[in-house]
Amino acid sequence: MTVRVRFAPSPTGLFHVGSARSALQNWAFAQHSGGVFVLRIEDTDAARNRPEWIEGILSALEWIGISRGAYEGPYFQSANAAEHRAAAEKLHAGGSAYYCSCTREQVQERGGPQARGYDGFCRDRGLSAGPGRALRFRTPDEGATTVVDLIRGTPTFDNALLEDFVIARADASAVFLLANVVDDALMGITHVVRGEDHLSNTPKQQLLWQALGHTPPTWAHVPMVVNEKRQKLSKRRDKVALEQYRHEGYLAAAMSNYLMLLGWAPAGDREIVPWSVIADEFRIDQVNPSPAFFDEKKLRAFNGEYLRALPLDDFIDACQPWLTGTVPPLTLPDDVEAPAPVAPPWAPERFDAAVFAAVAPLAQTRIAVLSEIVANVDFLFLDTPPRDDAAWAKAMKPGAADLLDAAAAAYAEAAWDAETLKAALEAAGAERGLKLGKAQAPVRVAVTGRTVGLPLFESLEVLGRERTLERLRSARARLAADGA
């Protein structure tokens, strides 16, 4: 039997990192099993669907390594509307479903505030299709439904506790439970790998599979992705959109690697591994059923490791969109706050690729995401260093003016290489009872505008004597104007 798995997102918003994790798990399972990955767009919510979200799904999948053309599809759920209606009619004709005219308010009024669900009021009324009448599935009165789950064993559900659930609306359109089953059966899906929030739907869907005369798939309900408070990730509370991480400069390989570790790990103590290792070692039945903590700090650390492992030329290329202001715009739903525009603070003509290449090895060891590259190198391409009043106040302590004078005097004559520049400032600081760390603070802020950044003396070497002296003197003049 050829393994066939599916990923079935809805085009109603940005691509959730939990959805990305589910897609990757299905992809890895299919690759390891020599199976087929099917992409199905569940586009039946016409009021919320937007064409750009469909393209967003395809683009997001491609970014994390699930390339167009390497999978079957995309199929669209809306194309199967006739099959959904036929299945509903088959269930009704066979006595497995009945029409119900009860409104939600009527059900609640009869059941009271403690009611568990629908009370079966219309089960034996013999209603036919008509306005305001939904089609409900007739769940068995006795027995139990056992689900075979590769992660959770064999959870068993008492049929008496399953309400007669709606499978088609009054307009004959199928609801999720039925449409999902019909689509999976049509596409020959053998394994359904999805989030544990769908586990409660599974006995209902398994009953539908059986009532329609099909063998249910093997299920695998992966753990939920949660935040640091062990709450399910929410777009209203957490940063959950894959596009946002891509926009900030996370690498696709780092993101894919990290997401696959949410509930699973390769053999040994390894964490940072290439996708080829993941696909070779991934076993769906080895996924931990406990909730998986999405730790953005750990993801940043992962990304930093991946950035440092890039060949230098690849790192330089990866930085270009942030250095040149060509990062693609981020399309967000109305209820998600848009990030600040991604544009470097210098005029385009001021950027010098050769200058950046000279400091790129230094920057590569210090940034965790690509968007941080601008703040690390902006002093090289601006006419004056960025102004940070907090950094200025921290560095320009009493004695800073004298030290800046001494640095300027030494640098006017010194050979222009990092070691000589360091030795000159170290000597000037020693004459004033300062260790190098204290001595370089006002020089760093005067030249780069910040208290932290690339190694100072290598930065000065690249910046050049003339611009360095100009900035030291400008900072000295500012101190004088401030009365220091």
Protein backbone atom coordinates (compact mmCIF):
# COMPACT_ATOMS: atom_id res chain seq x y z
CA MET A 1 0.00 0.00 0.00
CA THR A 2 1.33 3.40 -0.98
CA VAL A 3 1.18 5.87 1.89
CA ARG A 4 -0.87 8.94 0.97
CA VAL A 5 -0.99 11.85 3.38
CA ARG A 6 -2.59 15.23 2.96
CA PHE A 7 -2.20 18.76 4.17
CA ALA A 8 -5.48 20.67 4.04
CA PRO A 9 -5.21 24.35 5.04
CA SER A 10 -7.92 26.99 4.66
CA PRO A 11 -7.05 30.19 2.76
CA THR A 12 -8.38 32.52 5.43
CA GLY A 13 -5.25 34.29 6.71
CA LEU A 14 -1.53 34.09 7.27
CA PHE A 15 0.23 30.73 7.49
CA HIS A 16 0.35 29.63 11.13
CA VAL A 17 3.61 28.12 12.40
CA GLY A 18 1.55 25.24 13.76
CA SER A 19 0.26 24.60 10.24
CA ALA A 20 3.82 24.75 8.94
CA ARG A 21 4.86 22.14 11.51
CA SER A 22 1.95 19.89 10.47
CA ALA A 23 2.84 20.27 6.79
CA LEU A 24 6.48 19.40 7.47
CA GLN A 25 5.53 16.33 9.51
CA ASN A 26 3.31 15.10 6.69
CA TRP A 27 6.08 15.86 4.19
CA ALA A 28 8.71 14.00 6.23
CA PHE A 29 6.35 11.05 6.78
CA ALA A 30 5.64 10.82 3.05
CA GLN A 31 9.32 11.06 2.12
CA HIS A 32 10.41 8.47 4.67
CA SER A 33 7.62 6.09 3.60
CA GLY A 34 8.11 6.57 -0.11
CA GLY A 35 4.58 7.94 -0.17
CA VAL A 36 2.64 10.83 -1.66
CA PHE A 37 1.97 14.25 -0.15
CA VAL A 38 -1.36 15.75 -1.25
CA LEU A 39 -2.16 19.44 -0.90
CA ARG A 40 -5.86 20.26 -0.62
CA ILE A 41 -7.07 23.83 -0.16
CA GLU A 42 -10.24 23.80 1.93
CA ASP A 43 -11.81 26.86 0.35
CA THR A 44 -15.49 26.43 1.16
CA ASP A 45 -15.64 29.42 3.53
CA ALA A 46 -16.36 31.89 0.73
CA ALA A 47 -16.85 34.83 3.10
CA ARG A 48 -13.29 34.58 4.44
CA ASN A 49 -11.33 33.15 1.52
CA ARG A 50 -9.03 35.50 -0.41
CA PRO A 51 -6.94 34.63 -3.48
CA GLU A 52 -3.78 36.06 -1.92
CA TRP A 53 -4.06 33.64 0.99
CA ILE A 54 -4.03 30.73 -1.49
CA GLU A 55 -0.86 32.05 -3.04
CA GLY A 56 0.44 32.64 0.48
CA ILE A 57 -0.02 28.95 1.30
CA LEU A 58 1.85 27.85 -1.83
CA SER A 59 4.62 30.37 -1.21
CA ALA A 60 4.99 29.42 2.46
CA LEU A 61 5.20 25.73 1.65
CA GLU A 62 7.81 26.38 -1.01
CA TRP A 63 9.84 28.49 1.42
CA ILE A 64 10.04 25.66 3.98
CA GLY A 65 11.11 23.18 1.31
CA ILE A 66 7.82 21.70 0.05
CA SER A 67 8.25 22.73 -3.55
CA ARG A 68 5.52 23.18 -6.10
CA GLY A 69 5.47 20.23 -8.42
CA ALA A 70 6.89 17.88 -5.78
CA TYR A 71 3.46 17.11 -4.37
CA GLU A 72 0.04 16.18 -5.71
CA GLY A 73 -2.30 19.12 -6.08
CA PRO A 74 -3.29 21.64 -5.10
CA TYR A 75 -6.86 20.42 -5.12
CA PHE A 76 -9.73 22.63 -4.01
CA GLN A 77 -12.45 21.39 -1.69
CA SER A 78 -15.04 23.54 -3.42
CA ALA A 79 -14.61 21.42 -6.56
CA ASN A 80 -16.07 18.43 -4.70
CA ALA A 81 -19.38 20.04 -3.74
CA ALA A 82 -21.38 17.57 -5.86
CA GLU A 83 -19.63 14.60 -4.20
CA HIS A 84 -20.36 16.10 -0.77
CA ARG A 85 -24.08 16.38 -1.60
CA ALA A 86 -24.16 12.84 -2.99
CA ALA A 87 -22.61 11.49 0.21
CA ALA A 88 -25.16 13.35 2.32
CA GLU A 89 -28.02 11.94 0.23
CA LYS A 90 -26.56 8.43 0.51
CA LEU A 91 -26.42 8.68 4.29
CA HIS A 92 -30.00 9.94 4.44
CA ALA A 93 -31.30 7.28 2.09
CA GLY A 94 -29.60 4.57 4.12
CA GLY A 95 -31.08 5.75 7.41
CA SER A 96 -27.76 7.02 8.81
CA ALA A 97 -28.88 10.65 8.73
CA TYR A 98 -32.12 12.60 9.24
CA TYR A 99 -33.38 16.13 8.75
CA CYS A 100 -33.75 18.40 11.75
CA SER A 101 -35.63 21.69 12.03
CA CYS A 102 -34.41 22.62 15.53
CA THR A 103 -32.78 25.97 15.98
CA ARG A 104 -29.84 26.41 18.31
CA GLU A 105 -32.03 28.38 20.70
CA GLN A 106 -34.61 25.60 20.83
CA VAL A 107 -31.95 23.00 21.57
CA GLN A 108 -30.54 25.13 24.36
CA GLU A 109 -34.00 25.85 25.80
CA ARG A 110 -34.86 22.15 25.96
CA GLY A 111 -31.53 21.09 27.35
CA GLY A 112 -30.85 23.90 29.78
CA PRO A 113 -27.45 25.43 30.52
CA GLN A 114 -25.86 22.04 31.33
CA ALA A 115 -26.87 20.34 28.07
CA ARG A 116 -24.01 18.45 26.40
CA GLY A 117 -25.37 18.86 22.88
CA TYR A 118 -28.26 17.98 20.62
CA ASP A 119 -30.97 15.86 22.30
CA GLY A 120 -32.19 13.89 19.26
CA PHE A 121 -35.57 15.66 19.14
CA CYS A 122 -36.03 15.16 15.38
CA ARG A 123 -34.60 11.64 15.16
CA ASP A 124 -37.93 9.94 14.49
CA ARG A 125 -40.00 12.80 13.07
CA GLY A 126 -39.42 11.71 9.47
CA LEU A 127 -38.76 15.21 8.18
CA SER A 128 -37.75 15.76 4.59
CA ALA A 129 -35.38 18.38 3.22
CA GLY A 130 -36.63 21.92 3.36
CA PRO A 131 -35.87 25.49 4.42
CA GLY A 132 -34.25 25.69 7.82
CA ARG A 133 -33.65 21.93 8.02
CA ALA A 134 -30.13 20.64 8.53
CA LEU A 135 -29.04 17.05 8.03
CA ARG A 136 -27.78 15.28 11.13
CA PHE A 137 -25.86 12.01 11.40
CA ARG A 138 -27.54 9.34 13.53
CA THR A 139 -24.86 8.22 15.98
CA PRO A 140 -25.15 4.69 17.44
CA ASP A 141 -27.03 4.51 20.74
CA GLU A 142 -24.74 1.84 22.15
CA GLY A 143 -21.17 0.65 21.97
CA ALA A 144 -18.01 2.63 21.50
CA THR A 145 -15.83 3.93 18.70
CA THR A 146 -12.13 3.10 18.95
CA VAL A 147 -9.62 5.21 17.06
CA VAL A 148 -6.26 3.73 16.02
CA ASP A 149 -3.81 6.59 16.54
CA LEU A 150 -0.06 6.24 15.90
CA ILE A 151 0.72 8.79 18.60
CA ARG A 152 -2.08 8.35 21.15
CA GLY A 153 -2.68 4.63 21.01
CA THR A 154 -6.32 3.55 20.81
CA PRO A 155 -8.52 6.18 22.44
CA THR A 156 -12.07 4.94 22.81
CA PHE A 157 -15.19 7.11 22.72
CA ASP A 158 -18.57 6.09 24.20
CA ASN A 159 -21.10 6.41 21.40
CA ALA A 160 -23.83 7.43 23.84
CA LEU A 161 -21.85 10.61 24.54
CA LEU A 162 -21.62 11.57 20.87
CA GLU A 163 -24.44 13.88 19.83
CA ASP A 164 -26.21 13.53 16.48
CA PHE A 165 -24.01 16.04 14.70
CA VAL A 166 -24.83 18.17 11.66
CA ILE A 167 -23.26 17.00 8.39
CA ALA A 168 -25.05 19.32 5.91
CA ARG A 169 -26.61 22.74 6.25
CA ALA A 170 -30.13 23.67 5.18
CA ASP A 171 -28.75 24.82 1.81
CA ALA A 172 -27.35 21.28 1.30
CA SER A 173 -23.73 22.38 1.65
CA ALA A 174 -21.59 19.96 3.63
CA VAL A 175 -19.98 20.99 6.90
CA PHE A 176 -16.33 20.30 7.68
CA LEU A 177 -16.86 16.85 9.21
CA LEU A 178 -18.50 15.37 6.11
CA ALA A 179 -16.59 17.30 3.46
CA ASN A 180 -13.28 16.30 5.03
CA VAL A 181 -14.20 12.61 5.01
CA VAL A 182 -15.50 12.64 1.44
CA ASP A 183 -12.40 14.44 0.17
CA ASP A 184 -10.02 12.09 1.98
CA ALA A 185 -11.85 9.05 0.61
CA LEU A 186 -11.85 10.44 -2.94
CA MET A 187 -8.12 11.11 -2.74
CA GLY A 188 -7.23 7.74 -1.25
CA ILE A 189 -5.71 9.19 1.91
CA THR A 190 -4.26 6.39 4.03
CA HIS A 191 -2.92 8.38 6.99
CA VAL A 192 -4.29 11.60 8.50
CA VAL A 193 -1.60 13.49 10.41
CA ARG A 194 -3.04 16.60 12.07
CA GLY A 195 -3.23 18.56 15.33
CA GLU A 196 -4.65 17.08 18.49
CA ASP A 197 -7.40 19.72 18.51
CA HIS A 198 -9.08 17.53 15.88
CA LEU A 199 -9.03 14.42 18.06
CA SER A 200 -12.57 15.08 19.33
CA ASN A 201 -13.78 15.12 15.71
CA THR A 202 -12.18 11.80 14.91
CA PRO A 203 -14.82 9.36 16.27
CA LYS A 204 -17.49 11.27 14.36
CA GLN A 205 -15.48 11.18 11.17
CA GLN A 206 -14.64 7.53 11.65
CA LEU A 207 -18.36 6.76 11.93
CA LEU A 208 -18.90 8.68 8.68
CA TRP A 209 -16.14 6.72 6.92
CA GLN A 210 -17.79 3.46 7.97
CA ALA A 211 -21.33 4.59 7.12
CA LEU A 212 -20.16 5.54 3.62
CA GLY A 213 -18.64 2.10 3.16
CA HIS A 214 -14.96 3.05 3.42
CA THR A 215 -12.12 1.86 5.62
CA PRO A 216 -11.03 4.73 7.88
CA PRO A 217 -7.45 5.98 7.56
CA THR A 218 -4.82 5.54 10.22
CA TRP A 219 -4.82 8.60 12.45
CA ALA A 220 -1.93 10.50 14.04
CA HIS A 221 -2.80 13.50 16.19
CA VAL A 222 0.32 15.53 16.84
CA PRO A 223 0.63 17.69 19.99
CA MET A 224 -0.53 21.27 20.04
CA VAL A 225 2.04 24.05 19.76
CA VAL A 226 1.85 26.26 22.84
CA ASN A 227 3.45 29.45 24.18
CA GLU A 228 5.54 29.90 27.33
CA LYS A 229 2.35 29.84 29.45
CA ARG A 230 1.44 26.50 27.87
CA GLN A 231 -1.48 28.13 26.10
CA LYS A 232 -2.38 27.29 22.51
CA LEU A 233 -0.67 29.76 20.18
CA SER A 234 -3.07 32.55 19.26
CA LYS A 235 -2.64 35.25 16.63
CA ARG A 236 -4.17 37.75 19.06
CA ARG A 237 -1.55 37.03 21.70
CA ASP A 238 1.48 35.47 20.02
CA LYS A 239 3.56 35.95 16.89
CA VAL A 240 2.31 32.94 14.94
CA ALA A 241 2.55 33.78 11.23
CA LEU A 242 5.30 32.05 9.29
CA GLU A 243 5.40 35.08 6.98
CA GLN A 244 6.35 37.35 9.90
CA TYR A 245 9.40 35.22 10.72
CA ARG A 246 10.40 35.11 7.08
CA HIS A 247 10.02 38.89 6.90
CA GLU A 248 12.33 39.33 9.91
CA GLY A 249 15.07 37.31 8.27
CA TYR A 250 14.78 33.79 9.60
CA LEU A 251 16.25 31.18 7.28
CA ALA A 252 13.90 28.55 5.90
CA ALA A 253 16.26 25.69 6.84
CA ALA A 254 16.46 26.90 10.45
CA MET A 255 12.70 27.29 10.71
CA SER A 256 12.01 23.85 9.24
CA ASN A 257 14.60 22.21 11.48
CA TYR A 258 13.21 23.89 14.60
CA LEU A 259 9.56 23.16 13.82
CA MET A 260 10.31 19.47 13.35
CA LEU A 261 11.78 19.36 16.85
CA LEU A 262 8.46 20.39 18.40
CA GLY A 263 7.48 16.99 19.68
CA TRP A 264 10.20 14.90 18.04
CA ALA A 265 13.99 14.63 18.02
CA PRO A 266 16.58 12.82 15.88
CA ALA A 267 18.75 10.14 17.44
CA GLY A 268 21.37 11.18 19.96
CA ASP A 269 21.73 14.69 21.34
CA ARG A 270 21.62 16.36 17.93
CA GLU A 271 19.25 19.23 17.29
CA ILE A 272 20.66 21.12 14.31
CA VAL A 273 20.45 18.64 11.45
CA PRO A 274 19.80 18.97 7.70
CA TRP A 275 16.46 18.01 6.22
CA SER A 276 17.94 14.87 4.66
CA VAL A 277 18.61 13.54 8.18
CA ILE A 278 15.13 14.52 9.34
CA ALA A 279 13.43 12.75 6.44
CA ASP A 280 15.58 9.66 7.01
CA GLU A 281 14.98 9.41 10.76
CA PHE A 282 11.48 10.83 11.28
CA ARG A 283 8.95 8.35 12.67
CA ILE A 284 5.44 9.60 13.29
CA ASP A 285 4.94 7.06 16.08
CA GLN A 286 7.92 8.57 17.93
CA VAL A 287 6.27 11.98 18.25
CA ASN A 288 5.73 12.92 21.89
CA PRO A 289 2.01 13.44 22.63
CA SER A 290 2.66 16.24 25.15
CA PRO A 291 2.14 19.89 24.10
CA ALA A 292 5.16 21.36 22.30
CA PHE A 293 6.54 24.72 23.47
CA PHE A 294 7.31 27.17 20.68
CA ASP A 295 10.31 29.00 22.13
CA GLU A 296 11.16 32.01 20.00
CA LYS A 297 14.44 32.54 21.88
CA LYS A 298 15.53 29.03 20.96
CA LEU A 299 14.44 29.59 17.37
CA ARG A 300 16.60 32.73 17.27
CA ALA A 301 19.54 30.72 18.56
CA PHE A 302 18.90 28.09 15.88
CA ASN A 303 18.79 30.75 13.22
CA GLY A 304 22.03 32.26 14.46
CA GLU A 305 23.71 28.87 14.17
CA TYR A 306 22.43 28.48 10.61
CA LEU A 307 23.60 31.98 9.69
CA ARG A 308 27.09 31.30 11.02
CA ALA A 309 27.25 28.05 9.06
CA LEU A 310 26.55 29.76 5.72
CA PRO A 311 29.43 30.18 3.29
CA LEU A 312 30.40 33.86 3.40
CA ASP A 313 29.17 34.58 -0.13
CA ASP A 314 25.79 33.02 0.71
CA PHE A 315 25.58 35.12 3.87
CA ILE A 316 26.31 38.28 1.87
CA ASP A 317 23.63 37.35 -0.67
CA ALA A 318 21.11 36.58 2.07
CA CYS A 319 21.61 40.05 3.59
CA GLN A 320 21.02 41.91 0.34
CA PRO A 321 17.22 42.43 0.61
CA TRP A 322 17.67 44.19 3.96
CA LEU A 323 20.66 46.20 2.79
CA THR A 324 19.02 47.31 -0.45
CA GLY A 325 15.44 47.76 0.75
CA THR A 326 14.06 45.01 -1.46
CA VAL A 327 12.42 42.84 1.21
CA PRO A 328 8.99 41.92 -0.24
CA PRO A 329 6.10 43.69 1.52
CA LEU A 330 4.21 41.69 4.11
CA THR A 331 0.47 41.34 3.50
CA LEU A 332 -1.39 41.09 6.80
CA PRO A 333 -5.04 40.68 7.80
CA ASP A 334 -6.77 43.76 9.15
CA ASP A 335 -6.56 42.49 12.73
CA VAL A 336 -2.76 41.95 12.71
CA GLU A 337 -0.45 44.89 13.33
CA ALA A 338 1.88 45.48 10.40
CA PRO A 339 5.63 45.75 11.09
CA ALA A 340 7.57 48.89 10.31
CA PRO A 341 8.64 49.19 6.66
CA VAL A 342 11.87 47.40 5.87
CA ALA A 343 14.18 50.03 4.41
CA PRO A 344 17.79 50.89 5.24
CA PRO A 345 18.31 54.40 6.68
CA TRP A 346 20.93 55.38 4.11
CA ALA A 347 20.48 56.68 0.58
CA PRO A 348 20.79 53.83 -1.95
CA GLU A 349 23.84 55.36 -3.59
CA ARG A 350 25.69 55.36 -0.26
CA PHE A 351 25.72 51.57 -0.02
CA ASP A 352 29.08 50.10 -0.99
CA ALA A 353 29.09 46.35 -1.59
CA ALA A 354 32.88 46.12 -1.17
CA VAL A 355 32.71 47.84 2.22
CA PHE A 356 29.98 45.49 3.36
CA ALA A 357 31.93 42.46 2.15
CA ALA A 358 34.85 43.62 4.30
CA VAL A 359 32.77 43.57 7.50
CA ALA A 360 30.45 40.69 6.59
CA PRO A 361 32.59 38.05 8.38
CA LEU A 362 32.33 40.13 11.56
CA ALA A 363 28.59 40.63 11.23
CA GLN A 364 27.95 36.97 10.44
CA THR A 365 29.05 35.94 13.92
CA ARG A 366 26.88 38.52 15.69
CA ILE A 367 23.38 38.59 14.24
CA ALA A 368 20.60 36.11 14.90
CA VAL A 369 18.21 37.19 12.13
CA LEU A 370 18.99 38.88 8.84
CA SER A 371 17.02 42.04 9.62
CA GLU A 372 19.58 42.84 12.35
CA ILE A 373 22.25 43.41 9.75
CA VAL A 374 21.19 47.02 9.12
CA ALA A 375 21.75 48.19 12.70
CA ASN A 376 25.16 46.53 12.71
CA VAL A 377 26.52 48.24 9.61
CA ASP A 378 24.51 51.45 9.18
CA PHE A 379 27.35 53.63 10.53
CA LEU A 380 29.41 52.70 7.47
CA PHE A 381 26.89 54.07 4.97
CA LEU A 382 25.50 57.11 6.78
CA ASP A 383 27.01 60.60 6.60
CA THR A 384 26.90 60.73 10.39
CA PRO A 385 26.45 57.92 12.89
CA PRO A 386 22.90 57.19 14.07
CA ARG A 387 21.94 59.27 17.09
CA ASP A 388 21.07 57.29 20.22
CA ASP A 389 20.72 59.58 23.22
CA ALA A 390 20.68 56.69 25.69
CA ALA A 391 23.92 55.29 24.25
CA TRP A 392 25.48 58.77 24.31
CA ALA A 393 24.56 59.32 27.97
CA LYS A 394 25.91 55.91 28.94
CA ALA A 395 29.28 56.33 27.20
CA MET A 396 30.08 60.04 27.55
CA LYS A 397 30.99 60.09 31.23
CA PRO A 398 33.36 62.66 32.80
CA GLY A 399 36.73 62.32 31.10
CA ALA A 400 35.24 61.27 27.75
CA ALA A 401 36.20 64.55 26.08
CA ASP A 402 39.87 64.15 27.05
CA LEU A 403 39.87 60.57 25.82
CA LEU A 404 38.33 61.54 22.48
CA ASP A 405 41.03 64.19 22.05
CA ALA A 406 43.72 61.63 22.79
CA ALA A 407 42.20 59.09 20.40
CA ALA A 408 41.96 61.66 17.62
CA ALA A 409 45.58 62.69 18.13
CA ALA A 410 46.80 59.08 18.11
CA TYR A 411 44.71 58.10 15.10
CA ALA A 412 45.89 61.06 13.07
CA GLU A 413 49.36 59.50 12.86
CA ALA A 414 48.86 55.76 13.50
CA ALA A 415 49.18 53.07 10.86
CA TRP A 416 45.64 52.22 9.79
CA ASP A 417 45.11 48.59 10.79
CA ALA A 418 43.02 47.10 13.55
CA GLU A 419 45.90 45.95 15.78
CA THR A 420 47.66 49.32 15.68
CA LEU A 421 44.40 51.19 16.34
CA LYS A 422 43.67 48.96 19.30
CA ALA A 423 47.15 49.42 20.75
CA ALA A 424 46.95 53.20 20.36
CA LEU A 425 43.64 53.47 22.20
CA GLU A 426 44.76 50.99 24.86
CA ALA A 427 47.80 53.19 25.53
CA ALA A 428 45.69 56.36 25.67
CA GLY A 429 43.33 54.71 28.10
CA ALA A 430 46.16 53.39 30.30
CA GLU A 431 47.56 56.91 30.63
CA ARG A 432 44.19 57.87 32.10
CA GLY A 433 43.80 54.85 34.33
CA LEU A 434 41.29 53.15 32.06
CA LYS A 435 41.22 49.58 30.82
CA LEU A 436 40.50 49.08 27.14
CA GLY A 437 36.83 48.24 27.70
CA LYS A 438 36.22 51.60 29.37
CA ALA A 439 38.42 53.51 26.95
CA GLN A 440 36.72 52.28 23.83
CA ALA A 441 33.14 53.05 24.97
CA PRO A 442 33.13 56.78 24.06
CA VAL A 443 35.05 56.09 20.85
CA ARG A 444 32.56 53.43 19.81
CA VAL A 445 29.55 55.71 20.40
CA ALA A 446 31.27 58.64 18.69
CA VAL A 447 32.00 56.59 15.58
CA THR A 448 29.12 54.07 15.35
CA GLY A 449 26.41 55.74 17.44
CA ARG A 450 25.89 52.64 19.57
CA THR A 451 27.35 50.98 22.66
CA VAL A 452 27.42 47.54 21.05
CA GLY A 453 28.12 46.34 17.55
CA LEU A 454 30.86 44.92 15.36
CA PRO A 455 34.41 44.72 16.74
CA LEU A 456 35.47 48.34 17.09
CA PHE A 457 38.96 48.36 15.65
CA GLU A 458 38.14 46.27 12.60
CA SER A 459 35.22 48.66 12.03
CA LEU A 460 37.52 51.68 12.23
CA GLU A 461 39.88 50.08 9.76
CA VAL A 462 37.06 49.71 7.24
CA LEU A 463 35.54 53.13 7.97
CA GLY A 464 38.89 54.81 7.23
CA ARG A 465 41.03 57.45 8.88
CA GLU A 466 39.28 60.54 7.52
CA ARG A 467 35.74 59.54 8.51
CA THR A 468 36.88 58.23 11.89
CA LEU A 469 38.66 61.46 12.77
CA GLU A 470 35.71 63.52 11.54
CA ARG A 471 33.35 61.65 13.87
CA LEU A 472 35.69 61.83 16.86
CA ARG A 473 35.99 65.58 16.40
CA SER A 474 32.24 65.96 15.90
CA ALA A 475 31.57 64.09 19.12
CA ARG A 476 34.14 66.25 20.92
CA ALA A 477 32.38 69.37 19.65
CA ARG A 478 29.04 68.08 20.88
CA LEU A 479 30.49 67.47 24.31
CA ALA A 480 31.87 71.00 24.33
CA ALA A 481 28.48 72.38 23.35
CA ASP A 482 26.94 70.42 26.19
CA GLY A 483 29.48 71.95 28.58
CA ALA A 484 31.42 68.74 29.12
